[in-house]
Protein backbone atom coordinates (compact mmCIF):
# COMPACT_ATOMS: atom_id res chain seq x y z
CA MET A 1 -12.56 -24.95 3.30
CA ASP A 2 -12.90 -23.25 6.66
CA VAL A 3 -16.69 -23.48 7.11
CA THR A 4 -17.80 -23.03 10.63
CA VAL A 5 -21.32 -24.10 11.71
CA SER A 6 -21.32 -23.47 15.43
CA THR A 7 -20.24 -20.34 17.20
CA VAL A 8 -20.50 -21.74 20.72
CA ARG A 9 -17.24 -21.47 22.60
CA LYS A 10 -15.97 -24.43 24.51
CA GLU A 11 -14.80 -23.95 28.09
CA GLY A 12 -11.32 -22.50 28.21
CA GLU A 13 -11.26 -21.61 24.56
CA MET A 14 -9.73 -18.31 23.54
CA LYS A 15 -11.97 -15.61 22.10
CA LYS A 16 -11.75 -15.18 18.35
CA ILE A 17 -10.49 -11.90 16.69
CA VAL A 18 -10.94 -11.80 12.95
CA VAL A 19 -8.75 -9.08 11.26
CA ILE A 20 -9.69 -8.12 7.74
CA GLY A 21 -6.63 -6.51 5.96
CA CYS A 22 -2.96 -6.69 6.79
CA GLY A 23 -1.92 -3.09 5.96
CA PHE A 24 -0.35 -0.74 8.41
CA GLY A 25 -3.30 -0.75 10.71
CA GLY A 26 -4.04 -4.40 10.66
CA LEU A 27 -0.44 -5.44 11.09
CA GLN A 28 0.23 -3.07 14.09
CA PHE A 29 -2.97 -4.20 15.68
CA VAL A 30 -1.91 -7.90 15.69
CA ASN A 31 1.60 -7.13 16.65
CA HIS A 32 0.49 -5.28 19.71
CA LEU A 33 -1.87 -7.95 21.01
CA LYS A 34 -0.31 -10.02 23.82
CA LYS A 35 0.67 -13.47 22.60
CA ASP A 36 -1.61 -16.53 23.25
CA VAL A 37 -4.46 -14.41 24.70
CA PHE A 38 -6.68 -14.46 21.61
CA ASP A 39 -7.20 -16.78 18.71
CA ILE A 40 -6.50 -14.47 15.80
CA ILE A 41 -7.40 -14.94 12.12
CA VAL A 42 -5.97 -12.52 9.60
CA ILE A 43 -7.73 -12.48 6.21
CA ASP A 44 -6.42 -10.67 3.20
CA LYS A 45 -6.84 -10.86 -0.55
CA ILE A 46 -2.94 -10.94 -1.11
CA ASN A 47 -0.24 -12.87 0.88
CA HIS A 48 1.93 -9.89 1.67
CA HIS A 49 1.94 -6.68 3.58
CA GLN A 50 2.73 -3.77 1.25
CA PHE A 51 4.61 -0.47 1.63
CA PRO A 52 2.60 2.05 -0.45
CA PRO A 53 4.87 5.15 0.17
CA LEU A 54 7.44 3.56 -2.20
CA PHE A 55 5.10 2.13 -4.95
CA TYR A 56 6.09 5.09 -7.10
CA GLN A 57 9.74 4.02 -6.94
CA VAL A 58 8.90 0.50 -8.11
CA ALA A 59 6.85 2.04 -10.92
CA ALA A 60 9.85 4.18 -11.92
CA SER A 61 12.38 1.24 -11.84
CA GLN A 62 14.18 2.62 -8.88
CA ILE A 63 13.73 -0.25 -6.40
CA GLU A 64 12.68 -3.90 -6.70
CA PRO A 65 9.07 -4.91 -6.00
CA SER A 66 10.25 -7.49 -3.38
CA THR A 67 11.63 -4.64 -1.25
CA VAL A 68 8.23 -3.14 -0.52
CA SER A 69 6.37 -6.37 -0.09
CA PHE A 70 6.56 -8.58 3.01
CA PRO A 71 4.97 -12.09 3.15
CA ILE A 72 2.44 -12.23 5.80
CA ARG A 73 3.18 -15.71 6.92
CA LYS A 74 6.86 -14.72 7.32
CA ILE A 75 5.83 -11.78 9.54
CA PHE A 76 3.86 -13.94 11.91
CA GLN A 77 6.04 -16.93 11.84
CA LYS A 78 6.64 -16.85 15.60
CA ARG A 79 2.97 -16.20 16.47
CA ARG A 80 1.25 -19.67 17.02
CA ASP A 81 -1.86 -17.74 17.99
CA VAL A 82 -2.20 -16.18 14.49
CA ARG A 83 -3.69 -17.95 11.49
CA ILE A 84 -3.64 -16.58 7.93
CA ARG A 85 -6.28 -17.10 5.30
CA LEU A 86 -6.00 -15.83 1.76
CA ALA A 87 -9.51 -14.98 0.74
CA ASN A 88 -11.97 -12.34 -0.49
CA VAL A 89 -14.40 -11.14 2.19
CA HIS A 90 -17.94 -11.07 0.98
CA SER A 91 -19.91 -9.76 3.94
CA VAL A 92 -20.25 -9.39 7.68
CA ASN A 93 -23.14 -10.62 9.70
CA GLY A 94 -23.22 -8.53 12.80
CA ASP A 95 -26.15 -10.38 14.34
CA GLU A 96 -24.66 -13.82 14.16
CA LYS A 97 -21.12 -12.59 14.40
CA TYR A 98 -19.36 -14.23 11.41
CA VAL A 99 -17.52 -13.18 8.32
CA ASP A 100 -18.55 -14.67 4.98
CA THR A 101 -15.53 -15.18 2.67
CA SER A 102 -14.55 -16.95 -0.57
CA VAL A 103 -13.16 -19.89 1.55
CA GLY A 104 -16.03 -20.19 4.14
CA ARG A 105 -17.32 -18.57 7.22
CA PHE A 106 -15.30 -17.39 10.19
CA PRO A 107 -16.96 -16.66 13.58
CA TYR A 108 -15.67 -13.91 15.68
CA ASP A 109 -15.90 -12.42 19.11
CA TYR A 110 -14.24 -9.27 17.85
CA LEU A 111 -13.99 -8.10 14.27
CA VAL A 112 -11.33 -5.56 13.02
CA VAL A 113 -11.92 -4.05 9.62
CA ALA A 114 -8.65 -2.73 8.16
CA THR A 115 -9.50 -2.82 4.59
CA GLY A 116 -7.98 0.48 3.53
CA THR A 117 -9.03 2.33 0.32
CA ARG A 118 -9.23 1.81 -3.36
CA THR A 119 -8.77 4.26 -6.31
CA ASN A 120 -11.73 6.59 -6.74
CA PHE A 121 -12.66 7.49 -10.30
CA TYR A 122 -15.72 9.48 -9.25
CA GLY A 123 -18.08 7.42 -11.41
CA ASN A 124 -16.10 7.93 -14.68
CA GLY A 125 -16.17 4.31 -16.07
CA GLN A 126 -14.30 5.33 -19.25
CA VAL A 127 -11.33 6.81 -17.32
CA GLU A 128 -11.34 3.78 -15.03
CA LYS A 129 -11.26 1.36 -17.96
CA ASN A 130 -8.32 3.08 -19.68
CA SER A 131 -6.08 4.40 -16.78
CA LEU A 132 -3.27 2.75 -14.75
CA VAL A 133 -3.43 2.97 -10.96
CA LEU A 134 -0.96 2.67 -8.19
CA LYS A 135 -2.55 1.08 -5.12
CA SER A 136 -0.58 -2.25 -4.84
CA THR A 137 2.82 -3.74 -5.62
CA TYR A 138 1.25 -5.56 -8.60
CA GLN A 139 -0.15 -2.33 -10.06
CA ALA A 140 3.21 -0.64 -9.54
CA ILE A 141 4.74 -3.37 -11.75
CA ASN A 142 1.98 -2.72 -14.29
CA VAL A 143 2.85 0.88 -14.47
CA ARG A 144 6.60 0.13 -14.93
CA ASN A 145 5.71 -2.34 -17.59
CA ALA A 146 3.50 0.07 -19.44
CA ILE A 147 5.97 3.03 -19.32
CA LEU A 148 8.92 0.80 -20.37
CA TYR A 149 6.95 -0.82 -23.25
CA ASN A 150 5.76 2.58 -24.27
CA PHE A 151 9.45 3.59 -24.79
CA GLU A 152 9.93 0.44 -26.79
CA LYS A 153 7.02 1.34 -29.10
CA LEU A 154 8.47 4.78 -29.65
CA LEU A 155 11.17 3.12 -31.70
CA TYR A 156 8.85 1.77 -34.44
CA ALA A 157 5.30 3.11 -34.06
CA GLU A 158 4.04 5.36 -36.95
CA LYS A 159 1.77 7.41 -34.69
CA LYS A 160 3.99 8.63 -31.82
CA ASP A 161 2.20 11.67 -30.47
CA GLY A 162 0.39 9.81 -27.66
CA LEU A 163 3.56 7.83 -26.75
CA TYR A 164 5.48 10.92 -25.99
CA ASN A 165 3.14 12.18 -23.20
CA ILE A 166 2.95 10.65 -19.68
CA VAL A 167 -0.07 12.03 -17.81
CA ILE A 168 -0.33 11.75 -14.07
CA VAL A 169 -3.81 12.76 -12.62
CA GLY A 170 -3.74 13.88 -8.98
CA GLY A 171 -1.23 16.26 -7.37
CA GLY A 172 -1.12 14.65 -3.93
CA ALA A 173 2.13 13.12 -2.54
CA THR A 174 1.83 10.10 -4.86
CA GLY A 175 1.33 12.18 -7.94
CA VAL A 176 4.06 14.63 -7.17
CA GLU A 177 6.59 11.94 -6.36
CA LEU A 178 5.67 9.94 -9.39
CA ALA A 179 5.93 12.98 -11.70
CA GLY A 180 9.37 13.82 -10.35
CA ALA A 181 10.66 10.24 -10.76
CA PHE A 182 9.42 9.99 -14.37
CA ALA A 183 10.96 13.40 -15.19
CA GLU A 184 14.26 12.18 -13.95
CA MET A 185 13.87 8.99 -15.91
CA THR A 186 13.21 10.75 -19.16
CA LYS A 187 16.13 13.14 -18.64
CA GLU A 188 18.78 10.66 -17.33
CA ILE A 189 17.83 7.19 -18.33
CA LEU A 190 16.04 7.49 -21.71
CA PRO A 191 18.96 8.96 -23.49
CA LYS A 192 21.18 6.09 -22.39
CA ASP A 193 18.89 3.25 -23.00
CA TYR A 194 17.15 4.57 -26.06
CA PRO A 195 19.54 6.90 -27.84
CA ASN A 196 17.35 6.90 -30.99
CA ILE A 197 14.43 8.40 -29.22
CA ASP A 198 14.30 12.22 -29.01
CA SER A 199 14.04 12.45 -25.27
CA ASP A 200 13.23 16.19 -25.42
CA LYS A 201 9.92 15.35 -26.94
CA VAL A 202 8.89 13.17 -23.97
CA GLN A 203 6.69 15.16 -21.65
CA VAL A 204 5.41 14.43 -18.11
CA TYR A 205 2.18 16.10 -17.23
CA LEU A 206 0.75 16.50 -13.68
CA LEU A 207 -2.85 17.48 -13.52
CA GLU A 208 -4.48 18.66 -10.19
CA GLY A 209 -8.05 19.73 -9.71
CA SER A 210 -7.36 22.06 -6.76
CA PRO A 211 -5.33 25.35 -7.00
CA HIS A 212 -2.05 23.68 -5.84
CA THR A 213 -0.21 20.50 -5.58
CA LEU A 214 0.04 18.85 -2.16
CA SER A 215 -3.10 20.48 -1.09
CA ASN A 216 -2.95 18.81 2.37
CA MET A 217 0.40 20.41 3.16
CA SER A 218 1.49 24.03 3.77
CA SER A 219 1.60 26.72 1.15
CA PHE A 220 5.44 26.61 1.63
CA ALA A 221 5.38 22.94 0.49
CA GLN A 222 2.91 23.62 -2.27
CA LYS A 223 4.98 26.44 -3.77
CA TYR A 224 8.29 24.57 -3.72
CA SER A 225 6.93 21.24 -4.91
CA GLU A 226 5.53 23.08 -7.98
CA ASP A 227 8.77 25.03 -8.49
CA TYR A 228 10.77 21.81 -8.22
CA LEU A 229 8.56 20.03 -10.75
CA ARG A 230 8.61 22.72 -13.28
CA SER A 231 12.41 23.10 -12.99
CA MET A 232 12.53 19.39 -13.84
CA GLY A 233 10.50 19.91 -17.00
CA VAL A 234 7.17 18.68 -15.60
CA ILE A 235 4.15 20.43 -17.03
CA VAL A 236 2.10 21.17 -13.98
CA LYS A 237 -1.56 22.20 -14.53
CA THR A 238 -3.64 23.07 -11.40
CA GLY A 239 -7.34 23.81 -11.26
CA THR A 240 -7.59 21.22 -13.99
CA ILE A 241 -10.18 18.36 -14.03
CA VAL A 242 -10.08 15.33 -16.35
CA LYS A 243 -13.49 14.99 -17.99
CA ASP A 244 -12.70 11.90 -20.04
CA TYR A 245 -10.03 9.67 -21.37
CA ASP A 246 -10.60 7.03 -24.09
CA GLY A 247 -7.06 5.54 -24.11
CA GLU A 248 -5.77 7.97 -26.66
CA LYS A 249 -6.65 11.41 -25.59
CA VAL A 250 -7.30 13.17 -22.34
CA ILE A 251 -10.16 15.83 -22.35
CA LEU A 252 -9.85 18.56 -19.72
CA ASN A 253 -12.51 20.70 -18.24
CA ASN A 254 -11.22 23.75 -20.13
CA GLY A 255 -11.65 21.92 -23.45
CA GLU A 256 -7.90 21.14 -23.82
CA VAL A 257 -6.94 17.83 -25.33
CA ILE A 258 -3.75 15.96 -24.42
CA LEU A 259 -2.79 12.99 -26.69
CA THR A 260 -1.45 10.21 -24.54
CA ASN A 261 -1.35 6.43 -24.29
CA ASN A 262 -0.29 6.65 -20.63
CA VAL A 263 -2.49 7.99 -17.86
CA ILE A 264 -1.79 7.11 -14.29
CA TRP A 265 -4.65 8.02 -11.95
CA SER A 266 -3.88 9.05 -8.39
CA ALA A 267 -6.62 11.53 -7.91
CA GLY A 268 -8.44 10.22 -4.99
CA VAL A 269 -9.44 7.22 -2.91
CA THR A 270 -12.62 5.71 -1.48
CA GLY A 271 -13.02 3.32 1.43
CA ASN A 272 -13.12 -0.47 0.88
CA VAL A 273 -16.44 -1.09 2.59
CA ILE A 274 -17.73 -4.53 3.36
CA GLU A 275 -21.29 -5.54 2.82
CA GLY A 276 -23.04 -5.81 6.17
CA ILE A 277 -21.69 -2.57 7.62
CA PRO A 278 -24.74 -0.48 8.43
CA VAL A 279 -25.52 1.87 5.60
CA GLY A 280 -26.04 4.74 7.96
CA SER A 281 -22.51 4.32 9.25
CA VAL A 282 -20.92 4.65 5.79
CA LEU A 283 -20.02 8.15 4.38
CA PRO A 284 -20.26 8.90 0.59
CA ASN A 285 -16.55 8.60 0.49
CA GLY A 286 -16.68 4.95 1.67
CA ARG A 287 -15.27 5.73 5.16
CA VAL A 288 -16.92 4.09 8.16
CA ARG A 289 -17.93 6.10 11.12
CA VAL A 290 -16.35 5.01 14.38
CA ASP A 291 -16.25 6.25 17.92
CA ARG A 292 -13.11 7.23 19.87
CA ILE A 293 -12.01 3.65 20.36
CA ASN A 294 -12.64 2.79 16.73
CA ARG A 295 -15.94 0.92 17.33
CA VAL A 296 -18.09 0.99 14.20
CA GLU A 297 -21.42 2.77 14.89
CA GLY A 298 -24.34 0.52 14.78
CA LEU A 299 -22.41 -2.66 15.50
CA GLN A 300 -21.22 -4.55 18.57
CA ASP A 301 -17.63 -5.76 18.80
CA VAL A 302 -16.87 -4.60 15.37
CA PHE A 303 -14.03 -2.05 14.91
CA ALA A 304 -12.59 -0.25 11.89
CA ILE A 305 -9.07 1.17 11.75
CA GLY A 306 -6.88 3.03 9.25
CA ASP A 307 -7.88 4.70 6.09
CA VAL A 308 -11.39 3.17 6.01
CA ALA A 309 -12.24 4.58 9.52
CA TYR A 310 -13.80 8.00 9.96
CA MET A 311 -13.46 9.44 13.50
CA GLU A 312 -14.46 12.93 14.34
CA THR A 313 -12.46 14.57 17.17
CA GLU A 314 -12.04 18.08 18.47
CA LYS A 315 -8.71 18.39 16.62
CA TYR A 316 -9.99 16.65 13.51
CA PRO A 317 -13.78 17.50 13.14
CA LYS A 318 -13.67 16.18 9.53
CA GLY A 319 -11.87 12.99 10.31
CA HIS A 320 -8.16 12.08 10.53
CA PRO A 321 -5.94 12.28 7.41
CA GLN A 322 -5.57 9.01 5.61
CA LEU A 323 -1.85 8.54 6.57
CA ALA A 324 0.20 5.42 7.58
CA ASN A 325 0.88 7.02 11.00
CA VAL A 326 -2.85 7.32 11.73
CA ALA A 327 -3.47 3.66 10.89
CA ILE A 328 -0.48 2.50 12.94
CA GLY A 329 -1.60 4.60 16.00
CA GLN A 330 -5.16 3.36 15.77
CA GLY A 331 -3.96 -0.33 15.51
CA LYS A 332 -1.76 0.10 18.55
CA ASN A 333 -4.42 1.83 20.54
CA LEU A 334 -7.16 -0.64 19.62
CA ALA A 335 -4.99 -3.63 20.63
CA LYS A 336 -4.43 -2.16 24.18
CA ASN A 337 -8.17 -1.26 24.54
CA LEU A 338 -9.29 -4.80 23.56
CA GLN A 339 -7.03 -6.26 26.10
CA LYS A 340 -8.39 -3.86 28.70
CA ILE A 341 -11.95 -4.93 27.84
CA GLU A 342 -11.01 -8.57 28.21
CA GLU A 343 -9.71 -7.83 31.66
CA GLY A 344 -12.89 -6.03 32.56
CA ARG A 345 -11.30 -2.61 32.72
CA THR A 346 -13.11 0.45 31.86
CA ASP A 347 -10.15 2.93 31.55
CA LEU A 348 -10.17 2.72 27.67
CA LYS A 349 -8.03 5.27 25.88
CA SER A 350 -9.59 7.49 23.20
CA TYR A 351 -7.52 7.75 20.11
CA GLU A 352 -6.12 11.06 18.95
CA TYR A 353 -3.68 11.61 16.23
CA ARG A 354 -0.59 13.54 17.13
CA ASN A 355 0.55 15.28 13.86
CA LEU A 356 4.24 14.53 13.57
CA GLY A 357 4.40 16.17 10.12
CA THR A 358 4.08 15.42 6.47
CA MET A 359 6.55 15.27 3.58
CA ALA A 360 7.02 14.54 -0.06
CA THR A 361 9.99 13.96 -2.20
CA VAL A 362 10.09 15.34 -5.74
CA GLY A 363 13.41 13.95 -6.94
CA ARG A 364 17.11 13.72 -6.27
CA ASN A 365 18.07 16.27 -3.50
CA LYS A 366 14.44 17.70 -3.75
CA ALA A 367 11.84 17.26 -0.99
CA VAL A 368 9.55 19.33 1.16
CA VAL A 369 8.97 18.66 4.88
CA ASP A 370 6.24 20.15 7.08
CA LEU A 371 6.85 19.64 10.79
CA PRO A 372 4.72 21.34 13.47
CA PHE A 373 7.56 23.64 14.48
CA VAL A 374 9.51 23.97 11.26
CA LYS A 375 9.23 23.76 7.45
CA PHE A 376 12.19 23.11 5.20
CA LYS A 377 13.16 21.91 1.66
CA GLY A 378 15.91 20.70 -0.58
CA ARG A 379 18.73 18.33 0.20
CA PHE A 380 18.35 18.09 3.93
CA ALA A 381 14.56 17.52 3.53
CA TRP A 382 15.28 14.77 1.02
CA LEU A 383 17.69 13.03 3.44
CA VAL A 384 15.08 13.24 6.28
CA TRP A 385 12.49 11.73 3.98
CA MET A 386 14.85 8.91 3.02
CA PHE A 387 15.76 8.15 6.67
CA LEU A 388 12.16 8.16 7.99
CA HIS A 389 10.88 5.89 5.16
CA LEU A 390 13.77 3.49 5.73
CA MET A 391 12.78 3.28 9.40
CA LEU A 392 9.20 2.41 8.47
CA ILE A 393 10.21 -0.53 6.28
CA LEU A 394 9.70 -3.75 8.18
CA SER A 395 12.83 -5.94 7.75
CA VAL A 396 16.50 -5.07 8.27
CA ARG A 397 17.26 -6.89 4.92
CA ASN A 398 14.78 -4.79 2.98
CA LYS A 399 16.05 -1.56 4.64
CA LEU A 400 19.51 -2.50 3.51
CA VAL A 401 18.54 -3.43 -0.09
CA VAL A 402 16.53 -0.19 -0.49
CA PHE A 403 19.44 1.82 0.91
CA ILE A 404 21.90 0.29 -1.55
CA ASN A 405 19.52 0.90 -4.44
CA TRP A 406 19.12 4.54 -3.38
CA ALA A 407 22.87 5.01 -2.90
CA TRP A 408 23.72 3.38 -6.27
CA ASN A 409 21.24 5.41 -8.10
CA TYR A 410 22.54 8.58 -6.44
CA VAL A 411 26.08 7.97 -7.47
CA THR A 412 25.49 6.60 -10.92
CA LYS A 413 22.01 8.02 -11.90
CA ASN A 414 21.44 4.53 -13.28
CA ASN A 415 20.47 1.02 -12.31
CA SER A 416 19.60 -2.27 -13.79
CA LEU A 417 16.00 -2.66 -12.64
CA ARG A 418 14.18 -1.64 -15.87
CA LEU A 419 12.54 -4.98 -16.52
CA ILE A 420 9.38 -5.51 -18.45
CA LEU A 421 7.85 -8.48 -16.52
CA LYS A 422 4.93 -9.81 -18.68
CA ASP A 423 4.06 -12.88 -20.71
CA SER A 424 6.04 -12.93 -23.91
CA ASP A 425 2.74 -13.46 -25.84
């Protein structure tokens, strides 16, 4: 157990940086620190870096879970200045400068909070209890298991109405991409694997509370994403809020009831805040207020980056979008600034997000892309989406495996990844 009593540094000892979370922000921060300058400890609840943009493809049996999960120890094999600890973080003590975890206390000179977000159920405990979520590789496998097992039950269950409906709540990129993937599965895979199921009865619903899907994208992307989904047979309901879900029926704000045993919730997120962060620095949505170099308001030598950080700028007065590119940029910028601080320099660089564009895929040959200078859709947009996501994946091997899976699925409209991975009991 790593329990540290004294925080007094010996002469010549490197300063300690504790990084909580190894998502896009935490990973890029560590990777852009010069080697052997700091004593770095990375703390995470899981032993792998994850690639959330492709969780929906794991859930829809399109790619293997291992291709979007990268062991942290493998990533930092060549960094002798980086130590990894698998632990839950309980709290931060800003006065005495240590982090309290499930495996002991870790003192720090600098603390970087890169804890990301968790699913937001907006206080609806009943919905939280009965819904599936898609915020980790493990949860993506759970979704895959649930949907495939649902198809198995359709072969023998007496009450089938709830088994025929798959309901996705939240029309952001995750919801849109998941709805498109499941629509393709029900039309192309279900008749092959389950010829005794009437696949025409299987319905995919996408419920969105705002007037349009992809509310953070252009009206162009909103229109065509909805058009694409409806052409694929998805029942898209906008301006619709889920009031309750008891595991068998979804109750909507307009009184409509949808019978379903399968609800996947992707309707919002809230920041993963750690106890000890000043209450006045935490917004209702769980994001932590930071200054232009990502320093947490109210604390010395504590920084927050990525989705959990809330930074107001002239271009983004309501905070930056919670995107991978923002987390990556903040991680890189903070690494450079900390090194400048250690060198006694004052020319610190304020972070600003340069919007390179947003995109979402809806299915085979169907995607929408918003770039600052042009907007486009269709096959070319889909190819651009594929290429850019391949470039973001960490290892060459994983890039190759994902590309082969995509190519095989494109040619055959089939694969062999539909595994139900659960205890036989």
